[in-house]
N, C-alpha and C. Protein backbone atom coordinates (compact mmCIF):
# COMPACT_ATOMS: atom_id res chain seq x y z
N MET A 1 -9.74 19.24 -38.24
CA MET A 1 -8.76 18.53 -37.47
C MET A 1 -9.13 18.65 -35.99
N THR A 2 -8.95 17.60 -35.25
CA THR A 2 -9.27 17.62 -33.82
C THR A 2 -8.02 17.86 -32.99
N ALA A 3 -8.23 18.41 -31.83
CA ALA A 3 -7.11 18.67 -30.92
C ALA A 3 -6.64 17.36 -30.31
N PRO A 4 -5.35 17.25 -30.03
CA PRO A 4 -4.86 16.02 -29.42
C PRO A 4 -5.45 15.83 -28.02
N SER A 5 -5.61 14.61 -27.67
CA SER A 5 -6.17 14.27 -26.35
C SER A 5 -5.19 14.66 -25.26
N ARG A 6 -5.72 15.16 -24.15
CA ARG A 6 -4.88 15.55 -23.03
C ARG A 6 -4.83 14.46 -21.96
N THR A 7 -5.48 13.35 -22.21
CA THR A 7 -5.45 12.27 -21.22
C THR A 7 -4.09 11.60 -21.24
N ARG A 8 -3.70 11.11 -20.10
CA ARG A 8 -2.41 10.42 -20.01
C ARG A 8 -2.52 9.05 -20.65
N ARG A 9 -1.52 8.71 -21.39
CA ARG A 9 -1.49 7.40 -22.02
C ARG A 9 -0.75 6.43 -21.13
N PRO A 10 -0.92 5.13 -21.34
CA PRO A 10 -0.27 4.15 -20.48
C PRO A 10 1.22 4.35 -20.23
N PRO A 11 2.05 4.69 -21.23
CA PRO A 11 3.47 4.85 -20.92
C PRO A 11 3.74 5.97 -19.92
N GLU A 12 2.90 7.00 -19.93
CA GLU A 12 3.12 8.14 -19.04
C GLU A 12 2.72 7.85 -17.60
N ILE A 13 1.79 6.92 -17.40
CA ILE A 13 1.35 6.63 -16.04
C ILE A 13 1.86 5.28 -15.54
N GLN A 14 2.60 4.59 -16.35
CA GLN A 14 3.15 3.29 -15.97
C GLN A 14 3.91 3.39 -14.63
N GLY A 15 3.51 2.57 -13.67
CA GLY A 15 4.18 2.54 -12.38
C GLY A 15 3.69 3.57 -11.38
N ARG A 16 2.82 4.45 -11.79
CA ARG A 16 2.30 5.46 -10.86
C ARG A 16 1.09 4.92 -10.10
N PRO A 17 0.80 5.48 -8.93
CA PRO A 17 -0.34 4.99 -8.13
C PRO A 17 -1.66 5.14 -8.88
N ALA A 18 -2.50 4.14 -8.72
CA ALA A 18 -3.82 4.15 -9.36
C ALA A 18 -4.79 4.97 -8.52
N GLY A 19 -5.75 5.59 -9.18
CA GLY A 19 -6.71 6.44 -8.51
C GLY A 19 -8.00 5.73 -8.15
N LEU A 20 -8.93 6.50 -7.62
CA LEU A 20 -10.19 5.98 -7.13
C LEU A 20 -11.04 5.35 -8.23
N VAL A 21 -11.15 6.01 -9.37
CA VAL A 21 -12.04 5.52 -10.43
C VAL A 21 -11.56 4.20 -11.00
N SER A 22 -10.29 4.10 -11.36
CA SER A 22 -9.79 2.86 -11.95
C SER A 22 -9.87 1.71 -10.94
N ARG A 23 -9.61 1.98 -9.68
CA ARG A 23 -9.68 0.92 -8.68
C ARG A 23 -11.12 0.51 -8.38
N THR A 24 -12.05 1.46 -8.44
CA THR A 24 -13.46 1.13 -8.22
C THR A 24 -14.00 0.30 -9.37
N VAL A 25 -13.64 0.66 -10.59
CA VAL A 25 -14.07 -0.13 -11.76
C VAL A 25 -13.50 -1.54 -11.66
N ALA A 26 -12.23 -1.66 -11.30
CA ALA A 26 -11.61 -2.98 -11.15
C ALA A 26 -12.34 -3.80 -10.09
N ALA A 27 -12.70 -3.18 -8.98
CA ALA A 27 -13.42 -3.88 -7.92
C ALA A 27 -14.81 -4.33 -8.39
N ALA A 28 -15.48 -3.50 -9.17
CA ALA A 28 -16.80 -3.88 -9.69
C ALA A 28 -16.68 -5.07 -10.64
N VAL A 29 -15.68 -5.05 -11.50
CA VAL A 29 -15.46 -6.19 -12.40
C VAL A 29 -15.19 -7.45 -11.59
N ASP A 30 -14.37 -7.34 -10.56
CA ASP A 30 -14.08 -8.50 -9.71
C ASP A 30 -15.34 -9.02 -9.01
N ALA A 31 -16.22 -8.11 -8.60
CA ALA A 31 -17.47 -8.53 -7.97
C ALA A 31 -18.32 -9.35 -8.95
N PHE A 32 -18.37 -8.92 -10.20
CA PHE A 32 -19.14 -9.67 -11.20
C PHE A 32 -18.48 -11.03 -11.50
N VAL A 33 -17.17 -11.07 -11.51
CA VAL A 33 -16.46 -12.34 -11.73
C VAL A 33 -16.79 -13.31 -10.59
N VAL A 34 -16.77 -12.82 -9.37
CA VAL A 34 -17.07 -13.69 -8.22
C VAL A 34 -18.53 -14.14 -8.26
N LEU A 35 -19.44 -13.26 -8.65
CA LEU A 35 -20.84 -13.67 -8.79
C LEU A 35 -20.97 -14.79 -9.84
N ALA A 36 -20.24 -14.68 -10.93
CA ALA A 36 -20.26 -15.73 -11.95
C ALA A 36 -19.69 -17.04 -11.40
N ILE A 37 -18.62 -16.94 -10.61
CA ILE A 37 -18.04 -18.14 -10.00
C ILE A 37 -19.06 -18.79 -9.06
N LEU A 38 -19.75 -17.99 -8.26
CA LEU A 38 -20.74 -18.52 -7.33
C LEU A 38 -21.90 -19.19 -8.08
N LEU A 39 -22.34 -18.57 -9.16
CA LEU A 39 -23.41 -19.16 -9.96
C LEU A 39 -22.95 -20.48 -10.58
N ALA A 40 -21.71 -20.52 -11.06
CA ALA A 40 -21.18 -21.76 -11.64
C ALA A 40 -21.07 -22.85 -10.58
N LEU A 41 -20.65 -22.49 -9.37
CA LEU A 41 -20.57 -23.48 -8.29
C LEU A 41 -21.94 -24.03 -7.93
N GLN A 42 -22.92 -23.13 -7.82
CA GLN A 42 -24.28 -23.58 -7.51
C GLN A 42 -24.85 -24.46 -8.61
N SER A 43 -24.63 -24.07 -9.85
CA SER A 43 -25.14 -24.86 -10.97
C SER A 43 -24.45 -26.22 -11.04
N GLY A 44 -23.15 -26.24 -10.81
CA GLY A 44 -22.42 -27.51 -10.81
C GLY A 44 -22.90 -28.44 -9.70
N TYR A 45 -23.12 -27.88 -8.53
CA TYR A 45 -23.64 -28.67 -7.41
C TYR A 45 -25.02 -29.23 -7.75
N ALA A 46 -25.88 -28.38 -8.30
CA ALA A 46 -27.24 -28.82 -8.65
C ALA A 46 -27.21 -29.89 -9.73
N ALA A 47 -26.33 -29.74 -10.72
CA ALA A 47 -26.22 -30.73 -11.79
C ALA A 47 -25.70 -32.06 -11.25
N ALA A 48 -24.68 -32.01 -10.40
CA ALA A 48 -24.14 -33.24 -9.82
C ALA A 48 -25.18 -33.94 -8.96
N ARG A 49 -25.91 -33.18 -8.15
CA ARG A 49 -26.95 -33.76 -7.30
C ARG A 49 -28.04 -34.39 -8.16
N SER A 50 -28.40 -33.73 -9.24
CA SER A 50 -29.44 -34.26 -10.12
C SER A 50 -28.99 -35.56 -10.80
N LEU A 51 -27.73 -35.59 -11.24
CA LEU A 51 -27.21 -36.79 -11.90
C LEU A 51 -27.05 -37.97 -10.94
N LEU A 52 -26.59 -37.67 -9.73
CA LEU A 52 -26.29 -38.75 -8.78
C LEU A 52 -27.53 -39.27 -8.05
N THR A 53 -28.51 -38.40 -7.80
CA THR A 53 -29.67 -38.83 -7.01
C THR A 53 -30.94 -38.97 -7.84
N GLY A 54 -30.95 -38.44 -9.06
CA GLY A 54 -32.14 -38.51 -9.89
C GLY A 54 -33.17 -37.45 -9.57
N GLN A 55 -32.87 -36.55 -8.64
CA GLN A 55 -33.79 -35.47 -8.33
C GLN A 55 -33.82 -34.48 -9.48
N PRO A 56 -34.89 -33.74 -9.62
CA PRO A 56 -34.93 -32.72 -10.67
C PRO A 56 -33.88 -31.63 -10.40
N PHE A 57 -33.40 -31.04 -11.50
CA PHE A 57 -32.39 -29.98 -11.38
C PHE A 57 -33.02 -28.78 -10.69
N ALA A 58 -32.41 -28.34 -9.60
CA ALA A 58 -32.86 -27.14 -8.88
C ALA A 58 -31.67 -26.55 -8.15
N LEU A 59 -31.53 -25.24 -8.25
CA LEU A 59 -30.45 -24.57 -7.54
C LEU A 59 -30.69 -24.68 -6.04
N PRO A 60 -29.65 -24.92 -5.26
CA PRO A 60 -29.82 -25.04 -3.82
C PRO A 60 -30.16 -23.69 -3.18
N ASP A 61 -30.85 -23.72 -2.06
CA ASP A 61 -31.18 -22.52 -1.30
C ASP A 61 -30.71 -22.73 0.14
N PRO A 62 -29.42 -22.48 0.40
CA PRO A 62 -28.88 -22.77 1.72
C PRO A 62 -29.22 -21.75 2.80
N GLY A 63 -29.86 -20.67 2.46
CA GLY A 63 -30.20 -19.63 3.43
C GLY A 63 -29.26 -18.44 3.32
N PRO A 64 -29.73 -17.29 3.78
CA PRO A 64 -28.95 -16.07 3.60
C PRO A 64 -27.63 -16.05 4.37
N GLY A 65 -27.59 -16.58 5.58
CA GLY A 65 -26.35 -16.57 6.37
C GLY A 65 -25.23 -17.33 5.69
N PHE A 66 -25.53 -18.54 5.27
CA PHE A 66 -24.52 -19.35 4.59
C PHE A 66 -24.12 -18.73 3.26
N THR A 67 -25.10 -18.22 2.53
CA THR A 67 -24.84 -17.64 1.22
C THR A 67 -23.88 -16.46 1.33
N VAL A 68 -24.11 -15.57 2.28
CA VAL A 68 -23.24 -14.40 2.47
C VAL A 68 -21.85 -14.84 2.91
N ALA A 69 -21.78 -15.75 3.89
CA ALA A 69 -20.48 -16.21 4.38
C ALA A 69 -19.69 -16.92 3.27
N PHE A 70 -20.36 -17.75 2.51
CA PHE A 70 -19.69 -18.47 1.42
C PHE A 70 -19.25 -17.49 0.33
N GLY A 71 -20.11 -16.52 0.01
CA GLY A 71 -19.76 -15.51 -1.00
C GLY A 71 -18.54 -14.71 -0.59
N TYR A 72 -18.49 -14.27 0.67
CA TYR A 72 -17.32 -13.53 1.17
C TYR A 72 -16.08 -14.40 1.14
N THR A 73 -16.22 -15.68 1.48
CA THR A 73 -15.08 -16.59 1.47
C THR A 73 -14.52 -16.76 0.06
N VAL A 74 -15.41 -16.94 -0.91
CA VAL A 74 -14.98 -17.07 -2.30
C VAL A 74 -14.32 -15.78 -2.78
N LEU A 75 -14.88 -14.63 -2.41
CA LEU A 75 -14.30 -13.35 -2.81
C LEU A 75 -12.90 -13.18 -2.22
N VAL A 76 -12.73 -13.50 -0.95
CA VAL A 76 -11.40 -13.39 -0.33
C VAL A 76 -10.42 -14.33 -1.01
N ALA A 77 -10.83 -15.57 -1.27
CA ALA A 77 -9.94 -16.54 -1.93
C ALA A 77 -9.57 -16.06 -3.33
N TYR A 78 -10.52 -15.50 -4.05
CA TYR A 78 -10.27 -14.97 -5.40
C TYR A 78 -9.25 -13.83 -5.36
N LEU A 79 -9.44 -12.89 -4.44
CA LEU A 79 -8.51 -11.76 -4.33
C LEU A 79 -7.11 -12.23 -3.94
N VAL A 80 -7.02 -13.09 -2.94
CA VAL A 80 -5.72 -13.59 -2.49
C VAL A 80 -5.02 -14.32 -3.63
N GLY A 81 -5.73 -15.20 -4.31
CA GLY A 81 -5.14 -15.95 -5.42
C GLY A 81 -4.60 -15.03 -6.51
N GLY A 82 -5.39 -14.04 -6.89
CA GLY A 82 -4.95 -13.12 -7.93
C GLY A 82 -3.74 -12.31 -7.51
N TRP A 83 -3.75 -11.80 -6.29
CA TRP A 83 -2.65 -10.95 -5.84
C TRP A 83 -1.37 -11.72 -5.57
N VAL A 84 -1.49 -12.95 -5.07
CA VAL A 84 -0.28 -13.74 -4.77
C VAL A 84 0.31 -14.33 -6.04
N LEU A 85 -0.53 -14.86 -6.91
CA LEU A 85 -0.02 -15.55 -8.10
C LEU A 85 0.44 -14.61 -9.21
N GLY A 86 -0.31 -13.54 -9.45
CA GLY A 86 0.07 -12.67 -10.56
C GLY A 86 0.11 -11.19 -10.24
N GLY A 87 -0.26 -10.85 -9.01
CA GLY A 87 -0.27 -9.45 -8.63
C GLY A 87 -1.51 -8.70 -9.10
N ARG A 88 -2.44 -9.42 -9.73
CA ARG A 88 -3.64 -8.76 -10.22
C ARG A 88 -4.79 -9.74 -10.37
N THR A 89 -5.98 -9.20 -10.26
CA THR A 89 -7.20 -9.97 -10.48
C THR A 89 -7.68 -9.67 -11.90
N ALA A 90 -8.81 -10.23 -12.28
CA ALA A 90 -9.35 -9.95 -13.62
C ALA A 90 -9.67 -8.47 -13.78
N GLY A 91 -10.24 -7.86 -12.74
CA GLY A 91 -10.55 -6.43 -12.80
C GLY A 91 -9.29 -5.58 -12.91
N ASP A 92 -8.26 -5.97 -12.15
CA ASP A 92 -6.99 -5.26 -12.24
C ASP A 92 -6.39 -5.39 -13.63
N GLN A 93 -6.46 -6.57 -14.20
CA GLN A 93 -5.94 -6.81 -15.54
C GLN A 93 -6.66 -5.92 -16.56
N LEU A 94 -7.97 -5.87 -16.46
CA LEU A 94 -8.76 -5.06 -17.38
C LEU A 94 -8.40 -3.58 -17.28
N MET A 95 -8.15 -3.11 -16.07
CA MET A 95 -7.85 -1.69 -15.85
C MET A 95 -6.36 -1.38 -15.89
N GLY A 96 -5.52 -2.39 -16.09
CA GLY A 96 -4.08 -2.17 -16.17
C GLY A 96 -3.46 -1.84 -14.84
N LEU A 97 -3.89 -2.53 -13.78
CA LEU A 97 -3.40 -2.27 -12.43
C LEU A 97 -2.65 -3.48 -11.89
N ARG A 98 -1.78 -3.23 -10.92
CA ARG A 98 -1.08 -4.30 -10.23
C ARG A 98 -1.02 -3.95 -8.75
N VAL A 99 -1.28 -4.94 -7.90
CA VAL A 99 -1.19 -4.77 -6.44
C VAL A 99 0.17 -5.29 -6.01
N THR A 100 0.92 -4.44 -5.32
CA THR A 100 2.27 -4.81 -4.89
C THR A 100 2.46 -4.48 -3.41
N ALA A 101 3.52 -5.02 -2.86
CA ALA A 101 3.95 -4.60 -1.53
C ALA A 101 4.59 -3.22 -1.70
N GLY A 102 4.82 -2.53 -0.61
CA GLY A 102 5.42 -1.20 -0.68
C GLY A 102 6.76 -1.20 -1.39
N SER A 103 7.47 -2.33 -1.34
CA SER A 103 8.78 -2.44 -1.97
C SER A 103 8.67 -2.66 -3.48
N GLY A 104 7.46 -2.91 -3.97
CA GLY A 104 7.27 -3.17 -5.39
C GLY A 104 7.21 -4.65 -5.72
N ARG A 105 7.47 -5.50 -4.76
CA ARG A 105 7.39 -6.95 -4.99
C ARG A 105 5.96 -7.44 -4.81
N ARG A 106 5.73 -8.69 -5.18
CA ARG A 106 4.41 -9.27 -4.99
C ARG A 106 4.09 -9.36 -3.50
N LEU A 107 2.80 -9.35 -3.21
CA LEU A 107 2.36 -9.50 -1.82
C LEU A 107 2.64 -10.92 -1.34
N THR A 108 2.97 -11.06 -0.07
CA THR A 108 3.08 -12.40 0.51
C THR A 108 1.65 -12.91 0.74
N ALA A 109 1.52 -14.20 0.96
CA ALA A 109 0.19 -14.79 1.16
C ALA A 109 -0.49 -14.18 2.39
N GLY A 110 0.25 -13.98 3.45
CA GLY A 110 -0.33 -13.41 4.66
C GLY A 110 -0.81 -11.98 4.47
N THR A 111 0.00 -11.17 3.81
CA THR A 111 -0.38 -9.79 3.54
C THR A 111 -1.57 -9.74 2.59
N ALA A 112 -1.55 -10.59 1.57
CA ALA A 112 -2.67 -10.63 0.62
C ALA A 112 -3.96 -11.05 1.32
N LEU A 113 -3.88 -12.02 2.22
CA LEU A 113 -5.07 -12.46 2.95
C LEU A 113 -5.60 -11.34 3.83
N PHE A 114 -4.72 -10.68 4.56
CA PHE A 114 -5.15 -9.57 5.43
C PHE A 114 -5.76 -8.45 4.61
N ARG A 115 -5.13 -8.11 3.49
CA ARG A 115 -5.64 -7.05 2.61
C ARG A 115 -6.99 -7.43 2.02
N ALA A 116 -7.13 -8.68 1.60
CA ALA A 116 -8.40 -9.14 1.01
C ALA A 116 -9.53 -9.07 2.03
N VAL A 117 -9.26 -9.50 3.25
CA VAL A 117 -10.29 -9.43 4.30
C VAL A 117 -10.69 -7.98 4.54
N LEU A 118 -9.70 -7.09 4.60
CA LEU A 118 -10.01 -5.67 4.78
C LEU A 118 -10.83 -5.12 3.62
N CYS A 119 -10.51 -5.53 2.40
CA CYS A 119 -11.25 -5.05 1.22
C CYS A 119 -12.69 -5.53 1.24
N VAL A 120 -12.91 -6.76 1.69
CA VAL A 120 -14.26 -7.32 1.72
C VAL A 120 -15.08 -6.74 2.86
N VAL A 121 -14.46 -6.61 4.03
CA VAL A 121 -15.17 -6.12 5.21
C VAL A 121 -15.36 -4.60 5.18
N LEU A 122 -14.39 -3.88 4.61
CA LEU A 122 -14.42 -2.42 4.64
C LEU A 122 -14.15 -1.84 3.24
N PRO A 123 -15.08 -2.07 2.29
CA PRO A 123 -14.84 -1.58 0.94
C PRO A 123 -14.80 -0.05 0.85
N VAL A 124 -15.38 0.65 1.81
CA VAL A 124 -15.34 2.12 1.79
C VAL A 124 -13.94 2.65 2.08
N GLY A 125 -13.00 1.77 2.38
CA GLY A 125 -11.61 2.18 2.56
C GLY A 125 -11.03 2.80 1.30
N LEU A 126 -11.67 2.53 0.15
CA LEU A 126 -11.23 3.15 -1.11
C LEU A 126 -11.41 4.66 -1.09
N LEU A 127 -12.32 5.13 -0.25
CA LEU A 127 -12.57 6.57 -0.21
C LEU A 127 -11.42 7.36 0.40
N TRP A 128 -10.43 6.68 0.94
CA TRP A 128 -9.25 7.35 1.47
C TRP A 128 -8.30 7.76 0.35
N ILE A 129 -8.45 7.18 -0.83
CA ILE A 129 -7.53 7.43 -1.95
C ILE A 129 -7.41 8.92 -2.30
N PRO A 130 -8.50 9.67 -2.46
CA PRO A 130 -8.34 11.08 -2.82
C PRO A 130 -7.68 11.92 -1.72
N VAL A 131 -7.76 11.47 -0.48
CA VAL A 131 -7.19 12.20 0.65
C VAL A 131 -5.70 11.90 0.80
N SER A 132 -5.31 10.70 0.44
CA SER A 132 -3.93 10.24 0.64
C SER A 132 -2.96 10.90 -0.33
N ARG A 133 -1.79 11.24 0.16
CA ARG A 133 -0.77 11.84 -0.71
C ARG A 133 -0.22 10.85 -1.72
N ARG A 134 -0.23 9.57 -1.36
CA ARG A 134 0.30 8.56 -2.28
C ARG A 134 -0.81 7.73 -2.94
N ALA A 135 -2.03 8.25 -2.94
CA ALA A 135 -3.20 7.58 -3.53
C ALA A 135 -3.39 6.19 -2.95
N ALA A 136 -3.27 6.09 -1.64
CA ALA A 136 -3.42 4.80 -0.95
C ALA A 136 -4.81 4.69 -0.34
N SER A 137 -5.39 3.51 -0.46
CA SER A 137 -6.65 3.24 0.23
C SER A 137 -6.33 2.94 1.69
N LEU A 138 -7.36 2.85 2.50
CA LEU A 138 -7.16 2.48 3.90
C LEU A 138 -6.50 1.11 4.00
N GLN A 139 -6.87 0.19 3.11
CA GLN A 139 -6.27 -1.14 3.11
C GLN A 139 -4.78 -1.06 2.80
N ASP A 140 -4.40 -0.17 1.89
CA ASP A 140 -2.99 0.00 1.55
C ASP A 140 -2.21 0.57 2.74
N VAL A 141 -2.80 1.52 3.43
CA VAL A 141 -2.14 2.12 4.57
C VAL A 141 -1.88 1.08 5.66
N VAL A 142 -2.89 0.26 5.94
CA VAL A 142 -2.78 -0.74 7.01
C VAL A 142 -1.79 -1.85 6.64
N THR A 143 -1.82 -2.31 5.39
CA THR A 143 -0.98 -3.45 5.00
C THR A 143 0.34 -3.06 4.35
N GLY A 144 0.53 -1.80 4.04
CA GLY A 144 1.76 -1.37 3.38
C GLY A 144 1.81 -1.75 1.91
N SER A 145 0.66 -1.95 1.30
CA SER A 145 0.62 -2.32 -0.12
C SER A 145 0.42 -1.08 -0.98
N ALA A 146 0.47 -1.27 -2.28
CA ALA A 146 0.25 -0.19 -3.23
C ALA A 146 -0.41 -0.76 -4.48
N VAL A 147 -1.20 0.05 -5.14
CA VAL A 147 -1.81 -0.34 -6.41
C VAL A 147 -1.30 0.65 -7.45
N VAL A 148 -0.62 0.12 -8.46
CA VAL A 148 0.00 0.96 -9.48
C VAL A 148 -0.51 0.60 -10.87
N HIS A 149 -0.40 1.56 -11.76
CA HIS A 149 -0.71 1.29 -13.17
C HIS A 149 0.40 0.41 -13.73
N ASP A 150 0.02 -0.68 -14.36
CA ASP A 150 1.00 -1.61 -14.93
C ASP A 150 0.40 -2.20 -16.20
N TRP A 151 0.39 -1.42 -17.24
CA TRP A 151 -0.22 -1.84 -18.50
C TRP A 151 0.57 -2.92 -19.21
N TYR A 152 1.86 -2.99 -18.98
CA TYR A 152 2.70 -3.88 -19.76
C TYR A 152 3.08 -5.14 -19.01
N GLY A 153 2.73 -5.23 -17.75
CA GLY A 153 3.05 -6.42 -16.96
C GLY A 153 4.50 -6.45 -16.54
N GLY A 154 4.70 -6.85 -15.31
CA GLY A 154 6.05 -7.03 -14.82
C GLY A 154 6.68 -5.80 -14.20
N THR A 155 6.09 -4.64 -14.34
CA THR A 155 6.63 -3.45 -13.73
C THR A 155 6.19 -3.42 -12.28
N HIS A 156 7.14 -3.35 -11.38
CA HIS A 156 6.79 -3.37 -9.97
C HIS A 156 7.11 -2.06 -9.28
N GLY A 157 7.08 -0.99 -9.98
CA GLY A 157 7.34 0.31 -9.39
C GLY A 157 7.32 1.36 -10.47
N PRO A 158 7.63 2.57 -10.10
CA PRO A 158 7.61 3.63 -11.11
C PRO A 158 8.70 3.45 -12.14
N PRO A 159 8.49 3.90 -13.35
CA PRO A 159 9.51 3.78 -14.37
C PRO A 159 10.74 4.60 -13.96
N ALA A 160 11.87 4.20 -14.45
CA ALA A 160 13.13 4.87 -14.12
C ALA A 160 13.04 6.35 -14.45
N GLY A 161 13.46 7.17 -13.51
CA GLY A 161 13.49 8.59 -13.73
C GLY A 161 12.18 9.31 -13.58
N SER A 162 11.13 8.63 -13.11
CA SER A 162 9.82 9.28 -13.01
C SER A 162 9.67 10.06 -11.71
N ARG A 163 10.53 9.80 -10.74
CA ARG A 163 10.40 10.53 -9.47
C ARG A 163 11.70 11.13 -9.09
């Protein structure tokens, strides 16, 4: 017989602040999703250009400056859309996380945009999580947001009686 697992299960951590590992994994998943979106956009552009002009299919090469700027723009738009519309991105969904305002409500568009820009420009802000008493990243501290475990969806704060 094996000993019972000592890891916390979703009901026990529901509504509690997310840590560095789960948030880093979620961010990595989101990075891969955005890379897939960028590849799909490039392929779609190349296919449309090939169909409309008769040129052979070839992925465009706009140069490194444009590529980086466009990639960051798509990443910011992806993060803002996920946080404003559902409170989570694909990576957050996979890891059972939700990004909320400090009050537990969804982020406003302005706060989500500011937070997304901070996340893209300063990803090392996640390293503040182990130092923070409330497991907040630098982005959370600046914008007043929070990232909590939300495995069941719709929970915007700690479960009743947990604090």
